[in-house]
C-alpha atoms as a PDB file:
ATOM      1  CA  UNK A   1     -52.412 -40.951 -10.447  1.00  0.00           C
ATOM      2  CA  UNK A   2     -50.506 -44.527 -10.619  1.00  0.00           C
ATOM      3  CA  UNK A   3     -46.905 -43.611  -8.825  1.00  0.00           C
ATOM      4  CA  UNK A   4     -44.775 -41.677  -6.825  1.00  0.00           C
ATOM      5  CA  UNK A   5     -43.206 -40.058 -10.049  1.00  0.00           C
ATOM      6  CA  UNK A   6     -47.102 -39.119 -11.346  1.00  0.00           C
ATOM      7  CA  UNK A   7     -47.795 -37.616  -7.760  1.00  0.00           C
ATOM      8  CA  UNK A   8     -44.937 -35.376  -7.463  1.00  0.00           C
ATOM      9  CA  UNK A   9     -45.708 -31.731  -6.791  1.00  0.00           C
ATOM     10  CA  UNK A  10     -43.659 -28.760  -6.747  1.00  0.00           C
ATOM     11  CA  UNK A  11     -44.936 -25.776  -4.779  1.00  0.00           C
ATOM     12  CA  UNK A  12     -42.978 -22.406  -5.908  1.00  0.00           C
ATOM     13  CA  UNK A  13     -43.547 -19.255  -3.561  1.00  0.00           C
ATOM     14  CA  UNK A  14     -41.780 -16.572  -1.543  1.00  0.00           C
ATOM     15  CA  UNK A  15     -44.023 -17.149   1.490  1.00  0.00           C
ATOM     16  CA  UNK A  16     -42.972 -19.773   3.302  1.00  0.00           C
ATOM     17  CA  UNK A  17     -45.660 -20.104   5.601  1.00  0.00           C
ATOM     18  CA  UNK A  18     -48.273 -20.680   2.607  1.00  0.00           C
ATOM     19  CA  UNK A  19     -45.456 -23.308   1.015  1.00  0.00           C
ATOM     20  CA  UNK A  20     -45.363 -25.314   4.271  1.00  0.00           C
ATOM     21  CA  UNK A  21     -49.460 -25.479   4.452  1.00  0.00           C
ATOM     22  CA  UNK A  22     -49.798 -26.289   0.732  1.00  0.00           C
ATOM     23  CA  UNK A  23     -47.215 -28.823   0.959  1.00  0.00           C
ATOM     24  CA  UNK A  24     -48.488 -30.840   4.062  1.00  0.00           C
ATOM     25  CA  UNK A  25     -52.365 -30.264   2.248  1.00  0.00           C
ATOM     26  CA  UNK A  26     -50.751 -32.045  -1.029  1.00  0.00           C
ATOM     27  CA  UNK A  27     -48.838 -34.535   0.961  1.00  0.00           C
ATOM     28  CA  UNK A  28     -52.023 -35.850   2.773  1.00  0.00           C
ATOM     29  CA  UNK A  29     -53.539 -36.027  -0.821  1.00  0.00           C
ATOM     30  CA  UNK A  30     -50.966 -38.193  -1.859  1.00  0.00           C
ATOM     31  CA  UNK A  31     -48.446 -36.373  -3.593  1.00  0.00           C
ATOM     32  CA  UNK A  32     -44.847 -36.300  -2.920  1.00  0.00           C
ATOM     33  CA  UNK A  33     -44.063 -32.552  -2.490  1.00  0.00           C
ATOM     34  CA  UNK A  34     -40.892 -30.420  -3.458  1.00  0.00           C
ATOM     35  CA  UNK A  35     -40.491 -26.940  -2.361  1.00  0.00           C
ATOM     36  CA  UNK A  36     -38.753 -23.893  -3.714  1.00  0.00           C
ATOM     37  CA  UNK A  37     -38.820 -20.092  -2.445  1.00  0.00           C
ATOM     38  CA  UNK A  38     -36.791 -18.938  -5.598  1.00  0.00           C
ATOM     39  CA  UNK A  39     -36.721 -19.410  -9.408  1.00  0.00           C
ATOM     40  CA  UNK A  40     -33.215 -20.923  -8.754  1.00  0.00           C
ATOM     41  CA  UNK A  41     -34.083 -23.589  -6.677  1.00  0.00           C
ATOM     42  CA  UNK A  42     -37.265 -24.600  -8.280  1.00  0.00           C
ATOM     43  CA  UNK A  43     -35.135 -25.227 -11.533  1.00  0.00           C
ATOM     44  CA  UNK A  44     -32.830 -27.228  -9.603  1.00  0.00           C
ATOM     45  CA  UNK A  45     -35.514 -29.561  -8.286  1.00  0.00           C
ATOM     46  CA  UNK A  46     -36.657 -29.949 -12.006  1.00  0.00           C
ATOM     47  CA  UNK A  47     -33.333 -30.706 -13.102  1.00  0.00           C
ATOM     48  CA  UNK A  48     -33.077 -33.251 -10.275  1.00  0.00           C
ATOM     49  CA  UNK A  49     -36.734 -34.709 -10.397  1.00  0.00           C
ATOM     50  CA  UNK A  50     -39.080 -33.124 -12.864  1.00  0.00           C
ATOM     51  CA  UNK A  51     -42.349 -32.992 -11.263  1.00  0.00           C
ATOM     52  CA  UNK A  52     -45.941 -33.904 -12.343  1.00  0.00           C
ATOM     53  CA  UNK A  53     -47.351 -30.684 -10.887  1.00  0.00           C
ATOM     54  CA  UNK A  54     -46.210 -27.327 -10.478  1.00  0.00           C
ATOM     55  CA  UNK A  55     -47.703 -24.415  -8.422  1.00  0.00           C
ATOM     56  CA  UNK A  56     -45.961 -21.144  -9.270  1.00  0.00           C
ATOM     57  CA  UNK A  57     -46.717 -17.869  -7.521  1.00  0.00           C
ATOM     58  CA  UNK A  58     -46.636 -14.832  -9.897  1.00  0.00           C
ATOM     59  CA  UNK A  59     -44.919 -12.547  -8.004  1.00  0.00           C
ATOM     60  CA  UNK A  60     -41.772 -13.845  -6.263  1.00  0.00           C
ATOM     61  CA  UNK A  61     -39.218 -11.780  -4.345  1.00  0.00           C
ATOM     62  CA  UNK A  62     -36.821 -10.990  -7.282  1.00  0.00           C
ATOM     63  CA  UNK A  63     -38.541 -12.237 -10.198  1.00  0.00           C
ATOM     64  CA  UNK A  64     -41.649 -12.711 -12.089  1.00  0.00           C
ATOM     65  CA  UNK A  65     -43.427 -16.676 -12.380  1.00  0.00           C
ATOM     66  CA  UNK A  66     -44.285 -15.507 -15.694  1.00  0.00           C
ATOM     67  CA  UNK A  67     -40.521 -16.025 -16.699  1.00  0.00           C
ATOM     68  CA  UNK A  68     -40.028 -19.455 -15.057  1.00  0.00           C
ATOM     69  CA  UNK A  69     -42.839 -20.711 -17.212  1.00  0.00           C
ATOM     70  CA  UNK A  70     -40.779 -21.833 -20.435  1.00  0.00           C
ATOM     71  CA  UNK A  71     -37.837 -22.775 -18.429  1.00  0.00           C
ATOM     72  CA  UNK A  72     -40.125 -25.280 -16.394  1.00  0.00           C
ATOM     73  CA  UNK A  73     -41.696 -26.505 -19.524  1.00  0.00           C
ATOM     74  CA  UNK A  74     -38.094 -27.391 -20.638  1.00  0.00           C
ATOM     75  CA  UNK A  75     -36.701 -29.314 -17.627  1.00  0.00           C
ATOM     76  CA  UNK A  76     -40.476 -30.518 -16.897  1.00  0.00           C
ATOM     77  CA  UNK A  77     -42.253 -30.886 -20.419  1.00  0.00           C
ATOM     78  CA  UNK A  78     -45.063 -33.422 -18.836  1.00  0.00           C
ATOM     79  CA  UNK A  79     -45.932 -31.090 -16.321  1.00  0.00           C
ATOM     80  CA  UNK A  80     -48.773 -29.047 -15.708  1.00  0.00           C
ATOM     81  CA  UNK A  81     -48.624 -25.579 -13.680  1.00  0.00           C
ATOM     82  CA  UNK A  82     -50.986 -23.534 -12.076  1.00  0.00           C
ATOM     83  CA  UNK A  83     -50.269 -20.224 -11.939  1.00  0.00           C
ATOM     84  CA  UNK A  84     -51.191 -18.926  -8.341  1.00  0.00           C
ATOM     85  CA  UNK A  85     -51.308 -15.009  -7.207  1.00  0.00           C
ATOM     86  CA  UNK A  86     -52.989 -12.552  -5.323  1.00  0.00           C
ATOM     87  CA  UNK A  87     -52.219  -9.963  -8.384  1.00  0.00           C
ATOM     88  CA  UNK A  88     -54.697 -11.333 -10.664  1.00  0.00           C
ATOM     89  CA  UNK A  89     -55.660  -9.608 -13.888  1.00  0.00           C
ATOM     90  CA  UNK A  90     -56.619 -10.549 -17.499  1.00  0.00           C
ATOM     91  CA  UNK A  91     -53.510  -9.724 -19.181  1.00  0.00           C
ATOM     92  CA  UNK A  92     -51.068 -12.002 -16.628  1.00  0.00           C
ATOM     93  CA  UNK A  93     -53.676 -14.597 -16.817  1.00  0.00           C
ATOM     94  CA  UNK A  94     -53.866 -14.567 -20.988  1.00  0.00           C
ATOM     95  CA  UNK A  95     -49.755 -14.369 -20.626  1.00  0.00           C
ATOM     96  CA  UNK A  96     -49.717 -17.439 -18.063  1.00  0.00           C
ATOM     97  CA  UNK A  97     -51.674 -19.401 -20.595  1.00  0.00           C
ATOM     98  CA  UNK A  98     -49.730 -18.332 -23.637  1.00  0.00           C
ATOM     99  CA  UNK A  99     -46.146 -19.541 -21.974  1.00  0.00           C
ATOM    100  CA  UNK A 100     -47.801 -23.121 -21.032  1.00  0.00           C
ATOM    101  CA  UNK A 101     -49.381 -22.751 -17.613  1.00  0.00           C
ATOM    102  CA  UNK A 102     -52.715 -24.908 -17.473  1.00  0.00           C
ATOM    103  CA  UNK A 103     -54.967 -22.714 -15.094  1.00  0.00           C
ATOM    104  CA  UNK A 104     -54.580 -19.363 -13.482  1.00  0.00           C
ATOM    105  CA  UNK A 105     -56.216 -19.584  -9.634  1.00  0.00           C
ATOM    106  CA  UNK A 106     -56.395 -16.128  -7.355  1.00  0.00           C
ATOM    107  CA  UNK A 107     -55.283 -16.538  -3.901  1.00  0.00           C
ATOM    108  CA  UNK A 108     -56.763 -17.146  -1.429  1.00  0.00           C
ATOM    109  CA  UNK A 109     -57.139 -20.715  -2.622  1.00  0.00           C
ATOM    110  CA  UNK A 110     -57.094 -24.057  -0.479  1.00  0.00           C
ATOM    111  CA  UNK A 111     -55.507 -27.040  -1.807  1.00  0.00           C
ATOM    112  CA  UNK A 112     -59.089 -28.369  -3.118  1.00  0.00           C
ATOM    113  CA  UNK A 113     -58.890 -25.450  -5.436  1.00  0.00           C
ATOM    114  CA  UNK A 114     -55.345 -25.844  -6.380  1.00  0.00           C
ATOM    115  CA  UNK A 115     -55.812 -29.765  -6.766  1.00  0.00           C
ATOM    116  CA  UNK A 116     -59.130 -29.335  -9.071  1.00  0.00           C
ATOM    117  CA  UNK A 117     -57.061 -26.454 -11.191  1.00  0.00           C
ATOM    118  CA  UNK A 118     -54.813 -29.551 -12.142  1.00  0.00           C
ATOM    119  CA  UNK A 119     -57.726 -31.422 -13.504  1.00  0.00           C
ATOM    120  CA  UNK A 120     -57.412 -32.354 -17.478  1.00  0.00           C
ATOM    121  CA  UNK A 121     -61.180 -30.936 -17.590  1.00  0.00           C
ATOM    122  CA  UNK A 122     -59.689 -27.847 -16.126  1.00  0.00           C
ATOM    123  CA  UNK A 123     -57.336 -26.982 -18.823  1.00  0.00           C
ATOM    124  CA  UNK A 124     -58.204 -23.412 -19.842  1.00  0.00           C
ATOM    125  CA  UNK A 125     -56.715 -22.370 -23.123  1.00  0.00           C
ATOM    126  CA  UNK A 126     -58.794 -19.574 -23.570  1.00  0.00           C
ATOM    127  CA  UNK A 127     -59.441 -16.936 -20.728  1.00  0.00           C
ATOM    128  CA  UNK A 128     -63.020 -15.312 -21.037  1.00  0.00           C
ATOM    129  CA  UNK A 129     -63.667 -11.842 -20.149  1.00  0.00           C
ATOM    130  CA  UNK A 130     -65.945 -11.724 -17.278  1.00  0.00           C
ATOM    131  CA  UNK A 131     -69.926 -11.218 -17.998  1.00  0.00           C
ATOM    132  CA  UNK A 132     -70.287  -7.921 -15.851  1.00  0.00           C
ATOM    133  CA  UNK A 133     -68.952  -4.541 -16.712  1.00  0.00           C
ATOM    134  CA  UNK A 134     -65.773  -4.428 -15.386  1.00  0.00           C
ATOM    135  CA  UNK A 135     -65.176  -1.136 -13.018  1.00  0.00           C
ATOM    136  CA  UNK A 136     -63.135   1.830 -13.565  1.00  0.00           C
ATOM    137  CA  UNK A 137     -60.478   1.113 -10.620  1.00  0.00           C
ATOM    138  CA  UNK A 138     -60.076  -2.506 -11.836  1.00  0.00           C
ATOM    139  CA  UNK A 139     -59.230  -1.747 -15.631  1.00  0.00           C
ATOM    140  CA  UNK A 140     -57.032   0.896 -14.044  1.00  0.00           C
ATOM    141  CA  UNK A 141     -55.325  -2.225 -11.834  1.00  0.00           C
ATOM    142  CA  UNK A 142     -55.503  -4.415 -15.107  1.00  0.00           C
ATOM    143  CA  UNK A 143     -53.452  -2.009 -17.194  1.00  0.00           C
ATOM    144  CA  UNK A 144     -50.926  -1.436 -14.308  1.00  0.00           C
ATOM    145  CA  UNK A 145     -50.450  -5.073 -14.054  1.00  0.00           C
ATOM    146  CA  UNK A 146     -50.075  -5.216 -18.125  1.00  0.00           C
ATOM    147  CA  UNK A 147     -47.457  -2.317 -18.106  1.00  0.00           C
ATOM    148  CA  UNK A 148     -45.386  -4.138 -15.374  1.00  0.00           C
ATOM    149  CA  UNK A 149     -45.363  -7.445 -16.947  1.00  0.00           C
ATOM    150  CA  UNK A 150     -44.395  -5.412 -20.209  1.00  0.00           C
ATOM    151  CA  UNK A 151     -41.375  -3.415 -17.943  1.00  0.00           C
ATOM    152  CA  UNK A 152     -40.275  -6.772 -16.302  1.00  0.00           C
ATOM    153  CA  UNK A 153     -41.259  -5.424 -13.340  1.00  0.00           C
ATOM    154  CA  UNK A 154     -39.571  -2.484 -13.801  1.00  0.00           C
ATOM    155  CA  UNK A 155     -41.332   0.359 -11.217  1.00  0.00           C
ATOM    156  CA  UNK A 156     -39.865   3.355 -13.012  1.00  0.00           C
ATOM    157  CA  UNK A 157     -40.054   2.341 -16.506  1.00  0.00           C
ATOM    158  CA  UNK A 158     -44.152   1.372 -15.851  1.00  0.00           C
ATOM    159  CA  UNK A 159     -44.575   4.758 -14.133  1.00  0.00           C
ATOM    160  CA  UNK A 160     -42.698   6.988 -16.874  1.00  0.00           C
ATOM    161  CA  UNK A 161     -45.341   4.890 -19.510  1.00  0.00           C
ATOM    162  CA  UNK A 162     -48.115   5.307 -17.169  1.00  0.00           C
ATOM    163  CA  UNK A 163     -47.955   8.844 -16.885  1.00  0.00           C
ATOM    164  CA  UNK A 164     -47.616   8.984 -13.178  1.00  0.00           C
ATOM    165  CA  UNK A 165     -45.268   9.656 -10.371  1.00  0.00           C
ATOM    166  CA  UNK A 166     -42.932   6.452  -9.428  1.00  0.00           C
ATOM    167  CA  UNK A 167     -44.203   6.918  -5.759  1.00  0.00           C
ATOM    168  CA  UNK A 168     -48.076   6.803  -6.556  1.00  0.00           C
ATOM    169  CA  UNK A 169     -47.600   3.723  -8.607  1.00  0.00           C
ATOM    170  CA  UNK A 170     -45.805   2.301  -5.917  1.00  0.00           C
ATOM    171  CA  UNK A 171     -48.506   2.990  -3.414  1.00  0.00           C
ATOM    172  CA  UNK A 172     -51.119   1.348  -6.184  1.00  0.00           C
ATOM    173  CA  UNK A 173     -48.611  -1.684  -6.330  1.00  0.00           C
ATOM    174  CA  UNK A 174     -48.896  -2.434  -2.629  1.00  0.00           C
ATOM    175  CA  UNK A 175     -53.190  -2.371  -2.562  1.00  0.00           C
ATOM    176  CA  UNK A 176     -54.495  -5.648  -3.444  1.00  0.00           C
ATOM    177  CA  UNK A 177     -55.941  -5.956  -6.792  1.00  0.00           C
ATOM    178  CA  UNK A 178     -59.783  -4.518  -7.347  1.00  0.00           C
ATOM    179  CA  UNK A 179     -62.394  -6.948  -7.580  1.00  0.00           C
ATOM    180  CA  UNK A 180     -64.817  -6.558 -10.300  1.00  0.00           C
END
């Protein structure tokens, strides 16, 4: 990284505490950091000063980060995007990579893990299946995540498609995803 434009990072997340912590950590590592709590703020920043690196949360308050990837790539075509999420699933990882993200990282992730995810050698164009068998609970979580993505985050439509009550789906979404 040779100059300030090469070191500009945009952090997009609706968790203001996480944004503050990551911004400080990346500034200490030599980045000029911009932050956004919403997609609209992020797009405005990209118009004014396209970043070289973007950390993007999957689940923003009013929107999904997946929908932002194409717009960010138009405004900052040379940027490397890392999708950061606490709601990881194979379906969303594949979607993120297909849309133009370079890496998909599960929260909690520290600044060094995020920085490593931007590395050229870390470019994951084909996401592989896990080596150990996936549990039934994990498969259910991935089906829910995939259905929610397909329905643009609409809980009622997803619940109908999954054949479950809307409240049941809401309770499942509040819980953190199942590990393997």
